[in-house]
Amino acid sequence: MSVRPVTKNRKGGAGLEFALVLPVLLLLILPIIDFTWFFLNMQHVQEAAWSGARAGARIKLDDDPVAVAEAMAKASLEASMPAYAASATCTATIDGDILRLKVRVPYDSLAGFVKMPTDLYVNYRMRLEDP
């Protein structure tokens, strides 16, 4: 009886290793992508709320700062998140000398591996300025 050397028959070894390692790699990488996508979109919503509140706070009270804040926040969302901007809600109110702007954007995660909020919500306050 002759014994064949083990080193000669290595066909498909790399493919088998890849097939075994790929699910583990995906379980590590996809949640990272989900978190990155969430934080990127949250940053866009925060920037839109800040720019809207800033625009509304710097305008004269005669020119309706509420409408200016809402329009600027919506425009910023359309520039940075065009897919989500249509369903976003921007609500501004004036309480004394404070402009409050609430921006809410419906959110869907990319991979769905990590439970994420269904809405991105930012509440921004800024004191009205005398231009």
C-alpha atoms as a PDB file:
ATOM      1  CA  MET A   1       0.000   0.000   0.000  1.00  0.00           C
ATOM      2  CA  SER A   2       1.360   3.357  -1.015  1.00  0.00           C
ATOM      3  CA  VAL A   3       0.630   6.624   0.742  1.00  0.00           C
ATOM      4  CA  ARG A   4       0.245   9.758  -1.336  1.00  0.00           C
ATOM      5  CA  PRO A   5       1.958  12.886  -0.100  1.00  0.00           C
ATOM      6  CA  VAL A   6      -0.476  15.358   1.437  1.00  0.00           C
ATOM      7  CA  THR A   7       1.273  18.380  -0.041  1.00  0.00           C
ATOM      8  CA  LYS A   8       0.388  17.639  -3.667  1.00  0.00           C
ATOM      9  CA  ASN A   9      -3.438  17.824  -3.421  1.00  0.00           C
ATOM     10  CA  ARG A  10      -4.211  21.427  -2.401  1.00  0.00           C
ATOM     11  CA  LYS A  11      -6.803  22.411  -4.980  1.00  0.00           C
ATOM     12  CA  GLY A  12      -9.617  24.541  -3.568  1.00  0.00           C
ATOM     13  CA  GLY A  13      -7.952  25.208  -0.219  1.00  0.00           C
ATOM     14  CA  ALA A  14      -8.028  28.973  -0.582  1.00  0.00           C
ATOM     15  CA  GLY A  15     -11.676  28.922  -1.634  1.00  0.00           C
ATOM     16  CA  LEU A  16     -12.615  26.830   1.372  1.00  0.00           C
ATOM     17  CA  GLU A  17     -10.751  29.137   3.754  1.00  0.00           C
ATOM     18  CA  PHE A  18     -12.446  32.160   2.203  1.00  0.00           C
ATOM     19  CA  ALA A  19     -15.856  30.514   2.541  1.00  0.00           C
ATOM     20  CA  LEU A  20     -15.193  29.832   6.224  1.00  0.00           C
ATOM     21  CA  VAL A  21     -13.826  33.294   7.047  1.00  0.00           C
ATOM     22  CA  LEU A  22     -16.279  35.418   4.999  1.00  0.00           C
ATOM     23  CA  PRO A  23     -19.298  35.144   7.360  1.00  0.00           C
ATOM     24  CA  VAL A  24     -17.163  36.136  10.334  1.00  0.00           C
ATOM     25  CA  LEU A  25     -15.732  39.098   8.444  1.00  0.00           C
ATOM     26  CA  LEU A  26     -19.202  40.227   7.397  1.00  0.00           C
ATOM     27  CA  LEU A  27     -20.451  39.981  10.986  1.00  0.00           C
ATOM     28  CA  LEU A  28     -17.616  42.289  12.002  1.00  0.00           C
ATOM     29  CA  ILE A  29     -17.727  44.752   9.104  1.00  0.00           C
ATOM     30  CA  LEU A  30     -21.470  45.262   8.507  1.00  0.00           C
ATOM     31  CA  PRO A  31     -22.223  46.655  11.999  1.00  0.00           C
ATOM     32  CA  ILE A  32     -19.302  49.047  11.580  1.00  0.00           C
ATOM     33  CA  ILE A  33     -20.790  50.225   8.283  1.00  0.00           C
ATOM     34  CA  ASP A  34     -24.223  50.589   9.948  1.00  0.00           C
ATOM     35  CA  PHE A  35     -22.830  52.724  12.775  1.00  0.00           C
ATOM     36  CA  THR A  36     -20.817  54.835  10.345  1.00  0.00           C
ATOM     37  CA  TRP A  37     -23.876  55.437   8.174  1.00  0.00           C
ATOM     38  CA  PHE A  38     -25.948  56.357  11.244  1.00  0.00           C
ATOM     39  CA  PHE A  39     -23.395  58.835  12.584  1.00  0.00           C
ATOM     40  CA  LEU A  40     -22.840  60.394   9.148  1.00  0.00           C
ATOM     41  CA  ASN A  41     -26.565  60.990   8.690  1.00  0.00           C
ATOM     42  CA  MET A  42     -26.911  62.266  12.257  1.00  0.00           C
ATOM     43  CA  GLN A  43     -24.123  64.747  11.553  1.00  0.00           C
ATOM     44  CA  HIS A  44     -25.992  65.970   8.458  1.00  0.00           C
ATOM     45  CA  VAL A  45     -29.185  66.470  10.480  1.00  0.00           C
ATOM     46  CA  GLN A  46     -27.302  68.339  13.213  1.00  0.00           C
ATOM     47  CA  GLU A  47     -25.636  70.592  10.650  1.00  0.00           C
ATOM     48  CA  ALA A  48     -28.988  71.299   8.992  1.00  0.00           C
ATOM     49  CA  ALA A  49     -30.540  72.204  12.353  1.00  0.00           C
ATOM     50  CA  TRP A  50     -27.614  74.458  13.207  1.00  0.00           C
ATOM     51  CA  SER A  51     -27.665  76.264   9.837  1.00  0.00           C
ATOM     52  CA  GLY A  52     -31.433  76.734  10.019  1.00  0.00           C
ATOM     53  CA  ALA A  53     -31.324  78.065  13.572  1.00  0.00           C
ATOM     54  CA  ARG A  54     -28.399  80.329  12.730  1.00  0.00           C
ATOM     55  CA  ALA A  55     -30.150  81.771   9.678  1.00  0.00           C
ATOM     56  CA  GLY A  56     -33.356  82.335  11.640  1.00  0.00           C
ATOM     57  CA  ALA A  57     -31.563  83.901  14.597  1.00  0.00           C
ATOM     58  CA  ARG A  58     -29.670  86.420  12.487  1.00  0.00           C
ATOM     59  CA  ILE A  59     -32.623  87.767  10.511  1.00  0.00           C
ATOM     60  CA  LYS A  60     -34.817  90.683  11.569  1.00  0.00           C
ATOM     61  CA  LEU A  61     -37.979  89.779  13.450  1.00  0.00           C
ATOM     62  CA  ASP A  62     -40.025  91.562  10.749  1.00  0.00           C
ATOM     63  CA  ASP A  63     -38.822  89.034   8.148  1.00  0.00           C
ATOM     64  CA  ASP A  64     -40.307  85.947   9.926  1.00  0.00           C
ATOM     65  CA  PRO A  65     -37.339  84.078  11.407  1.00  0.00           C
ATOM     66  CA  VAL A  66     -39.471  80.944  11.812  1.00  0.00           C
ATOM     67  CA  ALA A  67     -39.993  80.576   8.061  1.00  0.00           C
ATOM     68  CA  VAL A  68     -36.352  81.406   7.340  1.00  0.00           C
ATOM     69  CA  ALA A  69     -35.101  78.813   9.871  1.00  0.00           C
ATOM     70  CA  GLU A  70     -37.370  76.083   8.504  1.00  0.00           C
ATOM     71  CA  ALA A  71     -36.488  76.878   4.872  1.00  0.00           C
ATOM     72  CA  MET A  72     -32.749  76.963   5.560  1.00  0.00           C
ATOM     73  CA  ALA A  73     -32.830  73.668   7.484  1.00  0.00           C
ATOM     74  CA  LYS A  74     -34.800  72.032   4.672  1.00  0.00           C
ATOM     75  CA  ALA A  75     -32.392  73.418   2.051  1.00  0.00           C
ATOM     76  CA  SER A  76     -29.404  72.110   4.003  1.00  0.00           C
ATOM     77  CA  LEU A  77     -31.011  68.669   4.239  1.00  0.00           C
ATOM     78  CA  GLU A  78     -31.729  68.666   0.510  1.00  0.00           C
ATOM     79  CA  ALA A  79     -28.083  69.482  -0.192  1.00  0.00           C
ATOM     80  CA  SER A  80     -26.599  66.856   2.116  1.00  0.00           C
ATOM     81  CA  MET A  81     -29.283  64.120   2.226  1.00  0.00           C
ATOM     82  CA  PRO A  82     -31.443  64.361  -0.903  1.00  0.00           C
ATOM     83  CA  ALA A  83     -33.012  60.920  -0.412  1.00  0.00           C
ATOM     84  CA  TYR A  84     -34.235  61.742   3.088  1.00  0.00           C
ATOM     85  CA  ALA A  85     -35.027  65.452   2.697  1.00  0.00           C
ATOM     86  CA  ALA A  86     -38.480  64.964   1.160  1.00  0.00           C
ATOM     87  CA  SER A  87     -39.793  63.175   4.247  1.00  0.00           C
ATOM     88  CA  ALA A  88     -38.031  65.407   6.793  1.00  0.00           C
ATOM     89  CA  THR A  89     -39.963  67.760   9.052  1.00  0.00           C
ATOM     90  CA  CYS A  90     -38.571  71.064  10.282  1.00  0.00           C
ATOM     91  CA  THR A  91     -40.534  72.951  12.926  1.00  0.00           C
ATOM     92  CA  ALA A  92     -39.400  76.284  14.361  1.00  0.00           C
ATOM     93  CA  THR A  93     -40.917  78.307  17.192  1.00  0.00           C
ATOM     94  CA  ILE A  94     -39.970  81.498  19.022  1.00  0.00           C
ATOM     95  CA  ASP A  95     -40.111  81.519  22.804  1.00  0.00           C
ATOM     96  CA  GLY A  96     -39.175  84.998  24.024  1.00  0.00           C
ATOM     97  CA  ASP A  97     -35.763  85.674  22.481  1.00  0.00           C
ATOM     98  CA  ILE A  98     -34.983  81.983  21.819  1.00  0.00           C
ATOM     99  CA  LEU A  99     -35.538  80.360  18.440  1.00  0.00           C
ATOM    100  CA  ARG A 100     -36.199  76.608  18.744  1.00  0.00           C
ATOM    101  CA  LEU A 101     -35.803  74.416  15.686  1.00  0.00           C
ATOM    102  CA  LYS A 102     -36.767  70.740  15.638  1.00  0.00           C
ATOM    103  CA  VAL A 103     -35.605  68.616  12.724  1.00  0.00           C
ATOM    104  CA  ARG A 104     -36.832  65.037  12.350  1.00  0.00           C
ATOM    105  CA  VAL A 105     -35.731  62.744   9.534  1.00  0.00           C
ATOM    106  CA  PRO A 106     -36.953  59.144   9.070  1.00  0.00           C
ATOM    107  CA  TYR A 107     -33.988  56.785   9.030  1.00  0.00           C
ATOM    108  CA  ASP A 108     -33.343  53.276   7.716  1.00  0.00           C
ATOM    109  CA  SER A 109     -30.147  51.414   8.489  1.00  0.00           C
ATOM    110  CA  LEU A 110     -28.132  49.969   5.640  1.00  0.00           C
ATOM    111  CA  ALA A 111     -27.567  46.379   6.710  1.00  0.00           C
ATOM    112  CA  GLY A 112     -29.953  46.049   9.635  1.00  0.00           C
ATOM    113  CA  PHE A 113     -27.491  44.144  11.807  1.00  0.00           C
ATOM    114  CA  VAL A 114     -27.680  46.680  14.631  1.00  0.00           C
ATOM    115  CA  LYS A 115     -30.907  48.061  16.083  1.00  0.00           C
ATOM    116  CA  MET A 116     -30.937  51.766  15.231  1.00  0.00           C
ATOM    117  CA  PRO A 117     -33.508  54.499  15.847  1.00  0.00           C
ATOM    118  CA  THR A 118     -36.184  54.908  13.205  1.00  0.00           C
ATOM    119  CA  ASP A 119     -35.903  58.711  13.283  1.00  0.00           C
ATOM    120  CA  LEU A 120     -32.981  61.088  13.476  1.00  0.00           C
ATOM    121  CA  TYR A 121     -34.110  63.908  15.727  1.00  0.00           C
ATOM    122  CA  VAL A 122     -32.325  67.144  16.620  1.00  0.00           C
ATOM    123  CA  ASN A 123     -33.678  69.957  18.791  1.00  0.00           C
ATOM    124  CA  TYR A 124     -31.609  73.132  18.417  1.00  0.00           C
ATOM    125  CA  ARG A 125     -31.965  76.397  20.316  1.00  0.00           C
ATOM    126  CA  MET A 126     -30.374  79.719  19.487  1.00  0.00           C
ATOM    127  CA  ARG A 127     -30.804  83.197  20.898  1.00  0.00           C
ATOM    128  CA  LEU A 128     -32.178  85.778  18.447  1.00  0.00           C
ATOM    129  CA  GLU A 129     -29.624  88.409  17.503  1.00  0.00           C
ATOM    130  CA  ASP A 130     -30.043  92.088  16.722  1.00  0.00           C
ATOM    131  CA  PRO A 131     -28.776  92.458  13.158  1.00  0.00           C
END
